[in-house]
Amino acid sequence: MSKLTALALSIAVLGGVWTFLALNPLAGTAIIWVGFIAWGCYFHTGGDNAALQKTIAGMAFGAVMAAVALALVVGDPMGDLGALESLEVPAIIAITVFPLVIVAGVNLLSVVPANVYGYAATAGLALSTNTAANATALDLSNPALLVIISVVLGAVFGKFSGQLAGKLGK
């Protein structure tokens, strides 16, 4: 079997397993699409142990930075700014996005796309499920926590699919 066929088969099978788990026993804890983003990020980052670490660290860092942004937006730390009110949210986003890139000098956070994927997934989840106000919660209502759990699981599934493809391709 070719390497490409082996990888396609392993991702198809494990993608079905991941979907079953996320929709059934892990429903409310694992987010299917976030896991698939982490899975893709794992391969984009090199598909090895370093990629696993960088995917998880980078996407988790991005999720935390998005949670900071969400907490600041919901908390309205600047109060009534009058005519400048429309600049508050963009300023918060700018301030919390800057670290996504500047940390690239740190090895574990050197994959800027991973950092951005985590930020975007968290913001997307919070905005689409109206859970932005839960960004500081210490339970599964926190969108950042759900993203981090899903990232870990998705990246591990990426590693498993690569290992399975290696065995099938021999």
C-alpha atoms as a PDB file:
ATOM      1  CA  MET A   1       0.000   0.000   0.000  1.00  0.00           C
ATOM      2  CA  SER A   2       1.378   3.444  -0.846  1.00  0.00           C
ATOM      3  CA  LYS A   3       2.215   5.866   1.952  1.00  0.00           C
ATOM      4  CA  LEU A   4      -0.503   8.250   0.774  1.00  0.00           C
ATOM      5  CA  THR A   5      -3.153   5.516   0.727  1.00  0.00           C
ATOM      6  CA  ALA A   6      -2.034   4.316   4.158  1.00  0.00           C
ATOM      7  CA  LEU A   7      -2.280   7.843   5.567  1.00  0.00           C
ATOM      8  CA  ALA A   8      -5.685   8.433   3.952  1.00  0.00           C
ATOM      9  CA  LEU A   9      -6.988   5.156   5.350  1.00  0.00           C
ATOM     10  CA  SER A  10      -5.617   5.762   8.842  1.00  0.00           C
ATOM     11  CA  ILE A  11      -7.054   9.290   8.970  1.00  0.00           C
ATOM     12  CA  ALA A  12     -10.420   8.076   7.635  1.00  0.00           C
ATOM     13  CA  VAL A  13     -10.701   5.303  10.228  1.00  0.00           C
ATOM     14  CA  LEU A  14      -9.436   7.366  13.147  1.00  0.00           C
ATOM     15  CA  GLY A  15     -11.465  10.375  11.962  1.00  0.00           C
ATOM     16  CA  GLY A  16     -14.566   8.236  12.306  1.00  0.00           C
ATOM     17  CA  VAL A  17     -13.474   7.130  15.781  1.00  0.00           C
ATOM     18  CA  TRP A  18     -12.767  10.739  16.774  1.00  0.00           C
ATOM     19  CA  THR A  19     -16.176  11.842  15.527  1.00  0.00           C
ATOM     20  CA  PHE A  20     -17.933   9.033  17.406  1.00  0.00           C
ATOM     21  CA  LEU A  21     -16.117   9.933  20.627  1.00  0.00           C
ATOM     22  CA  ALA A  22     -16.739  13.672  20.293  1.00  0.00           C
ATOM     23  CA  LEU A  23     -20.448  13.190  19.560  1.00  0.00           C
ATOM     24  CA  ASN A  24     -21.110  10.506  22.138  1.00  0.00           C
ATOM     25  CA  PRO A  25     -19.048   9.803  25.282  1.00  0.00           C
ATOM     26  CA  LEU A  26     -17.114  13.092  25.038  1.00  0.00           C
ATOM     27  CA  ALA A  27     -20.035  15.279  23.926  1.00  0.00           C
ATOM     28  CA  GLY A  28     -19.817  18.618  25.693  1.00  0.00           C
ATOM     29  CA  THR A  29     -16.109  18.104  26.361  1.00  0.00           C
ATOM     30  CA  ALA A  30     -14.549  17.564  22.929  1.00  0.00           C
ATOM     31  CA  ILE A  31     -15.244  19.791  19.940  1.00  0.00           C
ATOM     32  CA  ILE A  32     -15.001  17.858  16.650  1.00  0.00           C
ATOM     33  CA  TRP A  33     -13.805  20.690  14.441  1.00  0.00           C
ATOM     34  CA  VAL A  34     -11.202  21.907  16.933  1.00  0.00           C
ATOM     35  CA  GLY A  35      -9.768  18.398  17.150  1.00  0.00           C
ATOM     36  CA  PHE A  36      -9.501  18.244  13.366  1.00  0.00           C
ATOM     37  CA  ILE A  37      -7.748  21.636  13.298  1.00  0.00           C
ATOM     38  CA  ALA A  38      -5.202  20.322  15.818  1.00  0.00           C
ATOM     39  CA  TRP A  39      -4.862  17.109  13.800  1.00  0.00           C
ATOM     40  CA  GLY A  40      -4.059  19.098  10.664  1.00  0.00           C
ATOM     41  CA  CYS A  41      -1.741  21.401  12.594  1.00  0.00           C
ATOM     42  CA  TYR A  42       0.176  18.368  13.862  1.00  0.00           C
ATOM     43  CA  PHE A  43       0.929  17.276  10.284  1.00  0.00           C
ATOM     44  CA  HIS A  44       1.538  20.849   9.099  1.00  0.00           C
ATOM     45  CA  THR A  45       4.097  21.239  11.881  1.00  0.00           C
ATOM     46  CA  GLY A  46       6.056  18.144  10.889  1.00  0.00           C
ATOM     47  CA  GLY A  47       4.130  15.100  12.110  1.00  0.00           C
ATOM     48  CA  ASP A  48       6.636  14.074  14.787  1.00  0.00           C
ATOM     49  CA  ASN A  49       7.040  14.353  18.572  1.00  0.00           C
ATOM     50  CA  ALA A  50       8.193  17.975  18.321  1.00  0.00           C
ATOM     51  CA  ALA A  51       5.109  18.725  16.194  1.00  0.00           C
ATOM     52  CA  LEU A  52       2.875  17.179  18.847  1.00  0.00           C
ATOM     53  CA  GLN A  53       4.409  19.374  21.533  1.00  0.00           C
ATOM     54  CA  LYS A  54       4.353  22.542  19.420  1.00  0.00           C
ATOM     55  CA  THR A  55       0.783  21.969  18.252  1.00  0.00           C
ATOM     56  CA  ILE A  56      -0.510  21.495  21.779  1.00  0.00           C
ATOM     57  CA  ALA A  57       1.561  24.297  23.322  1.00  0.00           C
ATOM     58  CA  GLY A  58       0.883  26.784  20.535  1.00  0.00           C
ATOM     59  CA  MET A  59      -2.829  26.136  20.224  1.00  0.00           C
ATOM     60  CA  ALA A  60      -3.238  26.151  24.013  1.00  0.00           C
ATOM     61  CA  PHE A  61      -1.352  29.462  24.216  1.00  0.00           C
ATOM     62  CA  GLY A  62      -3.611  30.897  21.529  1.00  0.00           C
ATOM     63  CA  ALA A  63      -6.679  29.674  23.422  1.00  0.00           C
ATOM     64  CA  VAL A  64      -5.472  31.363  26.613  1.00  0.00           C
ATOM     65  CA  MET A  65      -4.808  34.640  24.787  1.00  0.00           C
ATOM     66  CA  ALA A  66      -8.303  34.493  23.272  1.00  0.00           C
ATOM     67  CA  ALA A  67      -9.744  33.871  26.742  1.00  0.00           C
ATOM     68  CA  VAL A  68      -7.934  36.989  27.966  1.00  0.00           C
ATOM     69  CA  ALA A  69      -9.426  38.957  25.072  1.00  0.00           C
ATOM     70  CA  LEU A  70     -12.908  37.600  25.745  1.00  0.00           C
ATOM     71  CA  ALA A  71     -12.664  38.376  29.451  1.00  0.00           C
ATOM     72  CA  LEU A  72     -11.523  41.929  28.710  1.00  0.00           C
ATOM     73  CA  VAL A  73     -14.263  42.533  26.149  1.00  0.00           C
ATOM     74  CA  VAL A  74     -16.970  41.166  28.435  1.00  0.00           C
ATOM     75  CA  GLY A  75     -15.529  42.979  31.479  1.00  0.00           C
ATOM     76  CA  ASP A  76     -15.376  46.326  29.645  1.00  0.00           C
ATOM     77  CA  PRO A  77     -12.280  47.508  31.552  1.00  0.00           C
ATOM     78  CA  MET A  78     -12.194  50.914  29.873  1.00  0.00           C
ATOM     79  CA  GLY A  79     -15.770  51.840  30.755  1.00  0.00           C
ATOM     80  CA  ASP A  80     -17.617  54.422  28.696  1.00  0.00           C
ATOM     81  CA  LEU A  81     -15.216  55.871  26.155  1.00  0.00           C
ATOM     82  CA  GLY A  82     -17.804  57.994  24.400  1.00  0.00           C
ATOM     83  CA  ALA A  83     -16.829  58.565  20.775  1.00  0.00           C
ATOM     84  CA  LEU A  84     -13.885  56.155  21.143  1.00  0.00           C
ATOM     85  CA  GLU A  85     -16.105  53.245  22.247  1.00  0.00           C
ATOM     86  CA  SER A  86     -15.910  51.603  18.820  1.00  0.00           C
ATOM     87  CA  LEU A  87     -12.120  51.303  19.238  1.00  0.00           C
ATOM     88  CA  GLU A  88     -12.184  49.336  22.497  1.00  0.00           C
ATOM     89  CA  VAL A  89     -12.698  45.830  21.089  1.00  0.00           C
ATOM     90  CA  PRO A  90     -10.223  46.287  18.214  1.00  0.00           C
ATOM     91  CA  ALA A  91      -7.635  47.559  20.729  1.00  0.00           C
ATOM     92  CA  ILE A  92      -8.183  44.516  22.950  1.00  0.00           C
ATOM     93  CA  ILE A  93      -7.812  42.210  19.964  1.00  0.00           C
ATOM     94  CA  ALA A  94      -4.624  43.971  18.847  1.00  0.00           C
ATOM     95  CA  ILE A  95      -3.134  43.744  22.328  1.00  0.00           C
ATOM     96  CA  THR A  96      -3.925  40.034  22.677  1.00  0.00           C
ATOM     97  CA  VAL A  97      -2.911  39.060  19.130  1.00  0.00           C
ATOM     98  CA  PHE A  98       0.537  40.661  19.337  1.00  0.00           C
ATOM     99  CA  PRO A  99       1.858  37.935  21.695  1.00  0.00           C
ATOM    100  CA  LEU A 100       0.799  35.209  19.234  1.00  0.00           C
ATOM    101  CA  VAL A 101       3.665  36.224  16.986  1.00  0.00           C
ATOM    102  CA  ILE A 102       6.210  37.781  19.324  1.00  0.00           C
ATOM    103  CA  VAL A 103       6.577  34.498  21.266  1.00  0.00           C
ATOM    104  CA  ALA A 104       7.863  32.728  18.139  1.00  0.00           C
ATOM    105  CA  GLY A 105      11.379  32.959  19.569  1.00  0.00           C
ATOM    106  CA  VAL A 106      10.342  30.396  22.187  1.00  0.00           C
ATOM    107  CA  ASN A 107      10.763  26.931  20.659  1.00  0.00           C
ATOM    108  CA  LEU A 108       7.463  25.451  21.891  1.00  0.00           C
ATOM    109  CA  LEU A 109       5.555  28.495  20.631  1.00  0.00           C
ATOM    110  CA  SER A 110       7.516  28.937  17.405  1.00  0.00           C
ATOM    111  CA  VAL A 111       4.700  27.739  15.116  1.00  0.00           C
ATOM    112  CA  VAL A 112       2.752  30.964  14.763  1.00  0.00           C
ATOM    113  CA  PRO A 113      -0.101  29.300  12.805  1.00  0.00           C
ATOM    114  CA  ALA A 114      -0.701  26.957  15.775  1.00  0.00           C
ATOM    115  CA  ASN A 115      -0.934  29.963  18.102  1.00  0.00           C
ATOM    116  CA  VAL A 116      -3.395  31.632  15.736  1.00  0.00           C
ATOM    117  CA  TYR A 117      -5.471  28.453  15.281  1.00  0.00           C
ATOM    118  CA  GLY A 118      -5.954  28.202  19.052  1.00  0.00           C
ATOM    119  CA  TYR A 119      -6.940  31.864  19.319  1.00  0.00           C
ATOM    120  CA  ALA A 120      -9.343  31.660  16.381  1.00  0.00           C
ATOM    121  CA  ALA A 121     -10.912  28.384  17.529  1.00  0.00           C
ATOM    122  CA  THR A 122     -11.542  29.785  20.998  1.00  0.00           C
ATOM    123  CA  ALA A 123     -12.986  33.053  19.731  1.00  0.00           C
ATOM    124  CA  GLY A 124     -15.075  31.196  17.166  1.00  0.00           C
ATOM    125  CA  LEU A 125     -16.421  28.754  19.724  1.00  0.00           C
ATOM    126  CA  ALA A 126     -17.209  31.492  22.245  1.00  0.00           C
ATOM    127  CA  LEU A 127     -18.911  33.743  19.715  1.00  0.00           C
ATOM    128  CA  SER A 128     -20.893  30.960  18.055  1.00  0.00           C
ATOM    129  CA  THR A 129     -22.112  29.485  21.344  1.00  0.00           C
ATOM    130  CA  ASN A 130     -22.557  32.741  23.257  1.00  0.00           C
ATOM    131  CA  THR A 131     -20.056  31.648  25.924  1.00  0.00           C
ATOM    132  CA  ALA A 132     -17.665  34.616  25.844  1.00  0.00           C
ATOM    133  CA  ALA A 133     -18.687  35.507  29.400  1.00  0.00           C
ATOM    134  CA  ASN A 134     -17.450  32.076  30.532  1.00  0.00           C
ATOM    135  CA  ALA A 135     -13.839  32.695  29.489  1.00  0.00           C
ATOM    136  CA  THR A 136     -12.713  32.777  33.126  1.00  0.00           C
ATOM    137  CA  ALA A 137     -14.896  29.895  34.361  1.00  0.00           C
ATOM    138  CA  LEU A 138     -13.116  26.941  35.903  1.00  0.00           C
ATOM    139  CA  ASP A 139     -15.413  24.363  34.353  1.00  0.00           C
ATOM    140  CA  LEU A 140     -16.449  22.971  30.975  1.00  0.00           C
ATOM    141  CA  SER A 141     -18.474  26.090  30.159  1.00  0.00           C
ATOM    142  CA  ASN A 142     -15.142  27.840  29.469  1.00  0.00           C
ATOM    143  CA  PRO A 143     -14.552  27.882  25.698  1.00  0.00           C
ATOM    144  CA  ALA A 144     -10.761  28.029  26.131  1.00  0.00           C
ATOM    145  CA  LEU A 145     -10.779  24.914  28.291  1.00  0.00           C
ATOM    146  CA  LEU A 146     -12.921  23.060  25.747  1.00  0.00           C
ATOM    147  CA  VAL A 147     -10.552  24.110  22.970  1.00  0.00           C
ATOM    148  CA  ILE A 148      -7.482  22.988  24.918  1.00  0.00           C
ATOM    149  CA  ILE A 149      -9.023  19.578  25.675  1.00  0.00           C
ATOM    150  CA  SER A 150      -9.986  19.188  22.008  1.00  0.00           C
ATOM    151  CA  VAL A 151      -6.527  20.290  20.860  1.00  0.00           C
ATOM    152  CA  VAL A 152      -4.788  17.698  23.011  1.00  0.00           C
ATOM    153  CA  LEU A 153      -7.086  14.942  21.794  1.00  0.00           C
ATOM    154  CA  GLY A 154      -6.928  16.029  18.148  1.00  0.00           C
ATOM    155  CA  ALA A 155      -3.132  16.290  18.126  1.00  0.00           C
ATOM    156  CA  VAL A 156      -2.836  12.861  19.753  1.00  0.00           C
ATOM    157  CA  PHE A 157      -5.182  11.442  17.112  1.00  0.00           C
ATOM    158  CA  GLY A 158      -2.892  13.024  14.520  1.00  0.00           C
ATOM    159  CA  LYS A 159       0.091  11.230  16.028  1.00  0.00           C
ATOM    160  CA  PHE A 160      -1.820   7.929  16.166  1.00  0.00           C
ATOM    161  CA  SER A 161      -2.916   8.295  12.535  1.00  0.00           C
ATOM    162  CA  GLY A 162       0.684   8.870  11.475  1.00  0.00           C
ATOM    163  CA  GLN A 163       1.817   5.801  13.400  1.00  0.00           C
ATOM    164  CA  LEU A 164      -0.973   3.677  11.957  1.00  0.00           C
ATOM    165  CA  ALA A 165      -0.159   4.893   8.440  1.00  0.00           C
ATOM    166  CA  GLY A 166       3.470   3.895   9.010  1.00  0.00           C
ATOM    167  CA  LYS A 167       2.407   0.365   9.882  1.00  0.00           C
ATOM    168  CA  LEU A 168      -0.068   0.095   6.998  1.00  0.00           C
ATOM    169  CA  GLY A 169       2.397   1.485   4.488  1.00  0.00           C
ATOM    170  CA  LYS A 170       5.001  -1.222   5.092  1.00  0.00           C
END
